[in-house]
Amino acid sequence: MAKKDVVMKILLVCTVCDSRNYLTTRNKLNTTEKLGLKKYCKKCRKHTQHKETDKLK
């Protein structure tokens, strides 16, 4: 049987305007550091760096 909570849900927050734009998942066994992606922000209307926040429940 598989372990619980291996794949966790995370929010991606824009580093420029602090708006929460994206909801995604990551495997915490394979990726130990926090996720940082360059995504499009609707509020800034440009591509900015988005960083991982706390996991959702």
Protein backbone atom coordinates (compact mmCIF):
# COMPACT_ATOMS: atom_id res chain seq x y z
CA MET A 1 0.00 0.00 0.00
CA ALA A 2 1.26 3.49 -0.84
CA LYS A 3 2.23 6.04 1.78
CA LYS A 4 -0.11 8.96 2.35
CA ASP A 5 0.82 12.56 1.56
CA VAL A 6 3.60 11.79 -0.92
CA VAL A 7 2.06 14.14 -3.48
CA MET A 8 1.12 17.47 -1.95
CA LYS A 9 -0.93 20.37 -3.27
CA ILE A 10 0.79 23.75 -3.31
CA LEU A 11 -0.07 27.33 -4.23
CA LEU A 12 2.17 29.42 -6.45
CA VAL A 13 2.38 33.08 -5.47
CA CYS A 14 3.69 35.91 -7.65
CA THR A 15 6.84 37.44 -6.15
CA VAL A 16 6.02 40.90 -7.58
CA CYS A 17 2.39 41.47 -6.53
CA ASP A 18 1.83 38.57 -4.05
CA SER A 19 -1.31 37.32 -5.80
CA ARG A 20 -2.06 33.60 -5.59
CA ASN A 21 -2.47 32.50 -9.19
CA TYR A 22 -1.77 28.80 -9.62
CA LEU A 23 -2.57 25.56 -7.83
CA THR A 24 -0.32 22.61 -8.59
CA THR A 25 1.09 19.44 -7.06
CA ARG A 26 4.59 18.17 -6.38
CA ASN A 27 6.07 14.93 -5.13
CA LYS A 28 7.87 15.71 -1.87
CA LEU A 29 10.10 12.63 -2.13
CA ASN A 30 11.54 13.60 -5.53
CA THR A 31 11.59 17.38 -5.04
CA THR A 32 12.82 18.35 -1.60
CA GLU A 33 13.40 22.09 -2.17
CA LYS A 34 10.63 24.65 -2.72
CA LEU A 35 9.31 25.08 -6.22
CA GLY A 36 9.92 28.26 -8.20
CA LEU A 37 8.54 28.69 -11.72
CA LYS A 38 8.29 31.51 -14.22
CA LYS A 39 4.55 31.85 -14.95
CA TYR A 40 2.14 34.46 -16.32
CA CYS A 41 0.55 36.74 -13.73
CA LYS A 42 -2.87 38.11 -14.65
CA LYS A 43 -2.58 41.05 -12.26
CA CYS A 44 0.90 42.14 -13.44
CA ARG A 45 0.08 41.20 -17.04
CA LYS A 46 3.56 39.73 -17.63
CA HIS A 47 5.66 36.66 -16.90
CA THR A 48 7.07 36.76 -13.36
CA GLN A 49 8.68 34.39 -10.90
CA HIS A 50 6.16 32.40 -8.83
CA LYS A 51 7.22 30.63 -5.64
CA GLU A 52 5.64 27.87 -3.59
CA THR A 53 3.68 28.64 -0.44
CA ASP A 54 2.28 26.31 2.20
CA LYS A 55 0.50 23.12 1.26
CA LEU A 56 -3.28 22.98 1.05
CA LYS A 57 -5.41 20.67 3.15
